[in-house]
Amino acid sequence: MNEETKILAAAGRGIIVSGKFNPRTQQVDPDLDGDAAMALYLLKLEGCKVGETTFVHPGSKADNLVREYPGQLILDVGGIGGIDVRDNGSVVIDHHDKDSTAPCTAWTLADQLGLAFIDGRYEVIPGLEQALEFVHNADTNQLPQGAFGKSARTIIGLSRYFEPEQVVAFFAEGNNLETVLSDYQLEELGLTEVSQKQKEVVDTAFAAIDAAQKVWIFSCKEDLKGVVVDRRVIGGSFAAYERGYNFFASFTDSSFAVNFLAPYSEVAETQKRLGEGKVVRGSMILCNEASTKHSFASFVEAIKGRAPAPAGAVNHG
């Protein structure tokens, strides 16, 4: 039995995907992200009768999932990079190993199913190449500079309201990340109200960044600067990057996240100073598996480090 057959067989027995963990309720909400949704779409394209979908904590480890859900397909969760076929029939496909350079789960799956090739040659479905590149870049925060500010009228801000086949069709029609939808197109797609809500998200995020506490990391050679907020801000990291910051950190009473523009060497050191959370893909520090022990003040101090500010820097923290 080849790898493709094993993947399809496991999918038929059941799908395990990451849900969205709510640190306040300590529950996992059944919420598919764009990467997992596209992966499920690709399985259905192959004629696979997908089994029951189970949502698990995003921090779940592959070995535990394989034991708990033997013989099933574990997508976009597990903490590995690439594909891992187990003896009990389980298959794990993920890209969340901290050192992973693997493409997103959907892209990896498309390549394995023969729908696509990693070197860019796509032979089956028009628009799939661009759709997979978009899903990968959106999932790993690798979007064009200025993209978030325009997102109320582009696929970048509206894609969560598209089904995966609509994303593929969008690119098949010759559109790209910069394509701005007209009022007529938004109305035809039923996205007029959604577009207005996304504009509010963008405006709110930029306002939050501009009003946020500015922080420099003093203990590294990379002279990183960022912003820290004491609440969740939808799109906060994208807004921060567009304002020229290297990182965006958000804190609540029960969790925190520090998102870096790139996998800087300081990411691991910052995690050590925080003493909590885990590094994801070398560029994020997430603490959402248990309530944080930090106060907002200690969180900020841990990020900054204890060395003096760089010459010329103004510490607003």
Protein backbone atom coordinates (compact mmCIF):
# COMPACT_ATOMS: atom_id res chain seq x y z
CA MET A 1 0.00 0.00 0.00
CA ASN A 2 1.57 3.29 -1.08
CA GLU A 3 1.50 6.49 0.95
CA GLU A 4 -1.39 8.04 -0.98
CA THR A 5 -3.54 4.95 -0.39
CA LYS A 6 -2.68 4.99 3.30
CA ILE A 7 -3.69 8.66 3.58
CA LEU A 8 -7.04 8.07 1.91
CA ALA A 9 -7.71 4.97 4.00
CA ALA A 10 -6.95 6.86 7.22
CA ALA A 11 -9.19 9.75 6.12
CA GLY A 12 -12.03 7.31 5.59
CA ARG A 13 -11.72 6.16 9.20
CA GLY A 14 -11.79 9.69 10.57
CA ILE A 15 -10.17 13.13 10.52
CA ILE A 16 -8.47 14.75 13.51
CA VAL A 17 -7.93 18.51 13.22
CA SER A 18 -7.03 21.40 15.47
CA GLY A 19 -9.90 23.37 16.90
CA LYS A 20 -9.68 26.84 18.38
CA PHE A 21 -8.85 26.74 22.07
CA ASN A 22 -10.71 29.22 24.26
CA PRO A 23 -8.50 29.85 27.29
CA ARG A 24 -11.35 31.41 29.25
CA THR A 25 -13.62 28.37 28.99
CA GLN A 26 -10.72 25.88 28.66
CA GLN A 27 -12.71 24.31 25.81
CA VAL A 28 -11.87 23.57 22.18
CA ASP A 29 -14.27 25.20 19.73
CA PRO A 30 -14.99 23.29 16.48
CA ASP A 31 -13.48 25.90 14.18
CA LEU A 32 -11.63 24.94 10.97
CA ASP A 33 -8.90 27.29 9.78
CA GLY A 34 -8.22 27.88 6.08
CA ASP A 35 -5.40 25.34 5.86
CA ALA A 36 -7.39 22.44 7.34
CA ALA A 37 -10.49 23.37 5.33
CA MET A 38 -8.49 23.32 2.09
CA ALA A 39 -6.97 19.95 3.02
CA LEU A 40 -10.44 18.44 3.54
CA TYR A 41 -11.53 19.86 0.19
CA LEU A 42 -8.59 18.16 -1.54
CA LEU A 43 -9.50 14.82 -0.01
CA LYS A 44 -13.04 15.13 -1.34
CA LEU A 45 -11.64 16.01 -4.79
CA GLU A 46 -9.92 12.64 -4.72
CA GLY A 47 -13.28 10.97 -4.13
CA CYS A 48 -12.46 10.11 -0.53
CA LYS A 49 -15.44 9.50 1.70
CA VAL A 50 -14.13 11.34 4.71
CA GLY A 51 -14.95 9.93 8.13
CA GLU A 52 -16.12 11.84 11.17
CA THR A 53 -14.14 15.00 11.97
CA THR A 54 -12.88 15.42 15.55
CA PHE A 55 -11.52 18.73 16.85
CA VAL A 56 -8.65 18.59 19.32
CA HIS A 57 -6.52 21.06 21.25
CA PRO A 58 -4.06 22.87 18.92
CA GLY A 59 -1.20 21.91 21.23
CA SER A 60 -1.88 18.17 21.00
CA LYS A 61 1.14 16.00 20.24
CA ALA A 62 1.28 13.47 17.44
CA ASP A 63 2.13 10.46 19.62
CA ASN A 64 -0.81 11.10 21.94
CA LEU A 65 -3.22 11.60 19.03
CA VAL A 66 -2.08 8.41 17.33
CA ARG A 67 -2.75 6.45 20.51
CA GLU A 68 -6.12 8.09 21.15
CA TYR A 69 -7.35 7.98 17.55
CA PRO A 70 -5.65 4.94 15.99
CA GLY A 71 -5.83 4.56 12.24
CA GLN A 72 -7.14 8.06 11.54
CA LEU A 73 -5.78 11.00 9.53
CA ILE A 74 -4.35 13.74 11.75
CA LEU A 75 -4.27 17.04 9.85
CA ASP A 76 -2.59 20.35 10.74
CA VAL A 77 -1.93 19.36 14.34
CA GLY A 78 0.62 17.18 16.12
CA GLY A 79 3.75 19.29 16.16
CA ILE A 80 5.66 17.61 13.31
CA GLY A 81 6.95 18.87 9.97
CA GLY A 82 5.73 16.89 6.95
CA ILE A 83 4.11 13.45 6.75
CA ASP A 84 4.43 10.64 9.30
CA VAL A 85 2.83 7.26 8.48
CA ARG A 86 2.43 5.04 11.56
CA ASP A 87 2.28 1.26 11.82
CA ASN A 88 -1.28 1.34 13.23
CA GLY A 89 -2.61 3.02 10.08
CA SER A 90 -2.57 6.56 11.45
CA VAL A 91 -1.12 9.30 9.25
CA VAL A 92 0.00 12.67 10.59
CA ILE A 93 0.41 15.67 8.25
CA ASP A 94 1.47 18.92 9.88
CA HIS A 95 3.88 21.85 9.65
CA HIS A 96 4.06 23.07 13.24
CA ASP A 97 7.42 21.62 14.27
CA LYS A 98 9.38 24.58 15.62
CA ASP A 99 12.17 23.94 13.12
CA SER A 100 9.93 22.97 10.22
CA THR A 101 10.29 24.45 6.76
CA ALA A 102 7.47 22.25 5.44
CA PRO A 103 4.73 23.98 3.45
CA CYS A 104 1.25 24.20 4.90
CA THR A 105 -0.75 21.01 5.45
CA ALA A 106 -2.96 21.47 2.38
CA TRP A 107 0.04 22.05 0.11
CA THR A 108 1.82 18.97 1.50
CA LEU A 109 -1.33 16.89 1.02
CA ALA A 110 -1.89 18.15 -2.53
CA ASP A 111 1.63 17.14 -3.47
CA GLN A 112 1.26 13.71 -1.90
CA LEU A 113 -2.06 13.06 -3.66
CA GLY A 114 -0.55 13.95 -7.02
CA LEU A 115 -2.65 17.09 -7.36
CA ALA A 116 0.40 19.33 -7.25
CA PHE A 117 4.15 19.35 -7.19
CA ILE A 118 6.20 21.42 -4.78
CA ASP A 119 8.30 22.89 -7.62
CA GLY A 120 5.25 24.77 -8.86
CA ARG A 121 3.92 22.55 -11.68
CA TYR A 122 0.17 22.14 -11.25
CA GLU A 123 -1.58 19.97 -13.78
CA VAL A 124 -5.06 19.16 -12.54
CA ILE A 125 -7.07 22.11 -11.24
CA PRO A 126 -6.79 25.69 -12.56
CA GLY A 127 -6.21 28.10 -9.69
CA LEU A 128 -4.93 25.45 -7.30
CA GLU A 129 -1.33 26.65 -7.40
CA GLN A 130 -2.26 30.18 -6.39
CA ALA A 131 -4.82 28.94 -3.84
CA LEU A 132 -2.27 26.73 -2.07
CA GLU A 133 0.37 29.45 -2.08
CA PHE A 134 -2.19 31.83 -0.60
CA VAL A 135 -3.25 29.37 2.11
CA HIS A 136 0.39 28.74 3.01
CA ASN A 137 1.32 32.42 3.12
CA ALA A 138 -1.79 33.39 5.08
CA ASP A 139 -1.25 30.54 7.56
CA THR A 140 2.38 31.54 8.15
CA ASN A 141 1.90 35.33 8.15
CA GLN A 142 3.80 35.82 4.89
CA LEU A 143 1.57 38.33 3.15
CA PRO A 144 2.60 41.28 0.96
CA GLN A 145 3.47 44.53 2.71
CA GLY A 146 0.35 46.68 2.94
CA ALA A 147 -1.99 43.76 2.29
CA PHE A 148 -3.86 44.01 5.59
CA GLY A 149 -4.77 47.65 5.07
CA LYS A 150 -6.52 46.75 1.80
CA SER A 151 -8.07 43.55 3.09
CA ALA A 152 -11.67 44.78 3.31
CA ARG A 153 -11.86 44.38 -0.48
CA THR A 154 -9.36 41.60 -1.21
CA ILE A 155 -9.31 37.86 -0.70
CA ILE A 156 -6.84 38.35 2.15
CA GLY A 157 -9.56 39.74 4.38
CA LEU A 158 -12.54 37.96 2.87
CA SER A 159 -11.26 34.42 2.34
CA ARG A 160 -12.63 33.15 5.66
CA TYR A 161 -16.08 33.65 4.17
CA PHE A 162 -15.17 31.61 1.06
CA GLU A 163 -15.49 27.86 0.78
CA PRO A 164 -12.22 26.24 -0.39
CA GLU A 165 -13.61 25.68 -3.90
CA GLN A 166 -14.44 29.40 -4.07
CA VAL A 167 -10.85 30.27 -3.19
CA VAL A 168 -9.60 28.06 -6.03
CA ALA A 169 -12.19 29.51 -8.44
CA PHE A 170 -11.20 33.05 -7.45
CA PHE A 171 -7.62 32.47 -8.58
CA ALA A 172 -8.68 30.44 -11.61
CA GLU A 173 -10.45 33.54 -12.88
CA GLY A 174 -7.14 35.40 -13.02
CA ASN A 175 -7.44 37.24 -9.71
CA ASN A 176 -4.57 37.63 -7.27
CA LEU A 177 -3.87 38.91 -3.77
CA GLU A 178 -3.93 42.51 -4.99
CA THR A 179 -7.28 42.22 -6.79
CA VAL A 180 -9.67 44.77 -5.29
CA LEU A 181 -13.32 43.72 -5.49
CA SER A 182 -15.77 46.33 -6.70
CA ASP A 183 -19.05 47.14 -4.97
CA TYR A 184 -20.80 45.09 -7.65
CA GLN A 185 -18.54 42.05 -7.11
CA LEU A 186 -18.97 42.24 -3.35
CA GLU A 187 -22.74 42.37 -3.81
CA GLU A 188 -22.69 39.44 -6.25
CA LEU A 189 -20.70 37.39 -3.75
CA GLY A 190 -22.93 38.43 -0.87
CA LEU A 191 -19.95 40.02 0.88
CA THR A 192 -20.96 43.68 1.12
CA GLU A 193 -21.71 43.50 4.84
CA VAL A 194 -18.68 41.30 5.47
CA SER A 195 -16.46 43.80 3.68
CA GLN A 196 -17.75 46.58 5.90
CA LYS A 197 -17.05 44.48 9.00
CA GLN A 198 -13.53 43.75 7.79
CA LYS A 199 -12.93 47.47 7.30
CA GLU A 200 -13.94 47.97 10.92
CA VAL A 201 -11.48 45.21 11.92
CA VAL A 202 -8.69 46.94 9.99
CA ASP A 203 -9.47 50.39 11.41
CA THR A 204 -9.74 49.02 14.95
CA ALA A 205 -6.46 47.09 14.65
CA PHE A 206 -4.50 50.10 13.40
CA ALA A 207 -6.00 52.29 16.15
CA ALA A 208 -5.01 49.70 18.76
CA ILE A 209 -1.45 49.49 17.42
CA ASP A 210 -1.05 53.25 17.33
CA ALA A 211 -2.25 53.51 20.95
CA ALA A 212 -0.38 50.44 22.22
CA GLN A 213 2.58 50.26 24.56
CA LYS A 214 5.81 50.33 22.53
CA VAL A 215 8.49 47.88 23.61
CA TRP A 216 12.09 47.27 22.59
CA ILE A 217 13.81 43.94 23.25
CA PHE A 218 17.00 45.07 24.94
CA SER A 219 18.82 41.77 25.30
CA CYS A 220 19.57 40.90 21.69
CA LYS A 221 21.65 42.18 18.79
CA GLU A 222 18.74 42.49 16.38
CA ASP A 223 17.28 45.72 17.84
CA LEU A 224 13.72 44.40 17.67
CA LYS A 225 10.83 46.69 18.47
CA GLY A 226 7.18 45.87 18.85
CA VAL A 227 3.91 46.63 20.57
CA VAL A 228 2.12 44.97 23.47
CA VAL A 229 -1.60 45.11 24.22
CA ASP A 230 -3.55 43.82 27.19
CA ARG A 231 -6.37 42.30 25.14
CA ARG A 232 -6.97 40.39 21.95
CA VAL A 233 -6.85 42.47 18.78
CA ILE A 234 -8.08 40.81 15.60
CA GLY A 235 -5.46 41.39 12.91
CA GLY A 236 -3.13 42.98 15.44
CA SER A 237 0.04 41.34 14.16
CA PHE A 238 -0.67 42.33 10.55
CA ALA A 239 -1.35 45.91 11.57
CA ALA A 240 1.84 45.98 13.65
CA TYR A 241 3.97 44.72 10.76
CA GLU A 242 2.49 47.32 8.43
CA ARG A 243 3.42 50.00 10.96
CA GLY A 244 7.02 48.79 10.80
CA TYR A 245 7.21 46.78 14.04
CA ASN A 246 9.04 43.45 14.35
CA PHE A 247 6.64 41.81 16.77
CA PHE A 248 3.15 42.04 18.25
CA ALA A 249 2.28 40.71 21.70
CA SER A 250 -1.18 40.33 23.22
CA PHE A 251 -1.99 39.40 26.81
CA THR A 252 -5.14 38.35 28.64
CA ASP A 253 -5.65 37.14 32.20
CA SER A 254 -5.38 33.55 30.99
CA SER A 255 -3.16 33.52 27.90
CA PHE A 256 -0.69 35.36 25.73
CA ALA A 257 0.79 35.32 22.24
CA VAL A 258 3.92 36.93 20.84
CA ASN A 259 4.01 37.02 17.04
CA PHE A 260 7.28 37.90 15.31
CA LEU A 261 7.58 39.08 11.72
CA ALA A 262 10.22 36.40 11.03
CA PRO A 263 11.99 33.54 12.87
CA TYR A 264 14.51 35.76 14.66
CA SER A 265 17.10 34.12 16.90
CA GLU A 266 15.62 36.11 19.79
CA VAL A 267 12.33 34.17 19.68
CA ALA A 268 13.69 31.23 21.66
CA GLU A 269 15.44 33.55 24.13
CA THR A 270 12.23 35.49 24.69
CA GLN A 271 10.39 32.24 25.40
CA LYS A 272 13.04 31.33 27.97
CA ARG A 273 12.60 34.66 29.72
CA LEU A 274 8.83 34.24 29.72
CA GLY A 275 9.22 30.74 31.17
CA GLU A 276 5.92 29.69 29.60
CA GLY A 277 4.40 28.95 26.24
CA LYS A 278 5.87 27.18 23.27
CA VAL A 279 7.62 28.31 20.11
CA VAL A 280 5.69 27.60 16.91
CA ARG A 281 7.41 27.65 13.51
CA GLY A 282 10.25 29.65 15.01
CA SER A 283 8.30 32.91 14.92
CA MET A 284 5.50 32.65 17.50
CA ILE A 285 5.30 32.08 21.23
CA LEU A 286 1.90 30.81 22.34
CA CYS A 287 0.66 30.24 25.87
CA ASN A 288 -2.86 28.86 25.53
CA GLU A 289 -2.68 25.35 26.92
CA ALA A 290 -2.86 26.49 30.56
CA SER A 291 -3.49 29.82 32.21
CA THR A 292 -0.45 32.09 32.32
CA LYS A 293 1.14 32.91 35.65
CA HIS A 294 2.28 36.31 34.41
CA SER A 295 0.72 39.64 35.19
CA PHE A 296 0.65 42.10 32.32
CA ALA A 297 3.55 44.02 33.87
CA SER A 298 5.74 40.92 34.32
CA PHE A 299 4.84 39.81 30.78
CA VAL A 300 6.12 43.09 29.36
CA GLU A 301 9.30 42.97 31.46
CA ALA A 302 10.05 39.42 30.36
CA ILE A 303 9.73 40.40 26.72
CA LYS A 304 11.95 43.45 27.12
CA GLY A 305 14.75 41.78 29.03
CA ARG A 306 16.69 43.66 31.70
CA ALA A 307 19.51 45.29 29.75
CA PRO A 308 19.49 49.07 29.20
CA ALA A 309 17.66 50.46 26.20
CA PRO A 310 19.66 50.72 22.95
CA ALA A 311 21.19 54.14 22.37
CA GLY A 312 18.60 56.53 21.05
CA ALA A 313 15.65 54.31 21.90
CA VAL A 314 12.75 55.73 23.84
CA ASN A 315 11.15 53.24 26.22
CA HIS A 316 7.40 53.83 26.52
CA GLY A 317 6.95 50.72 28.65
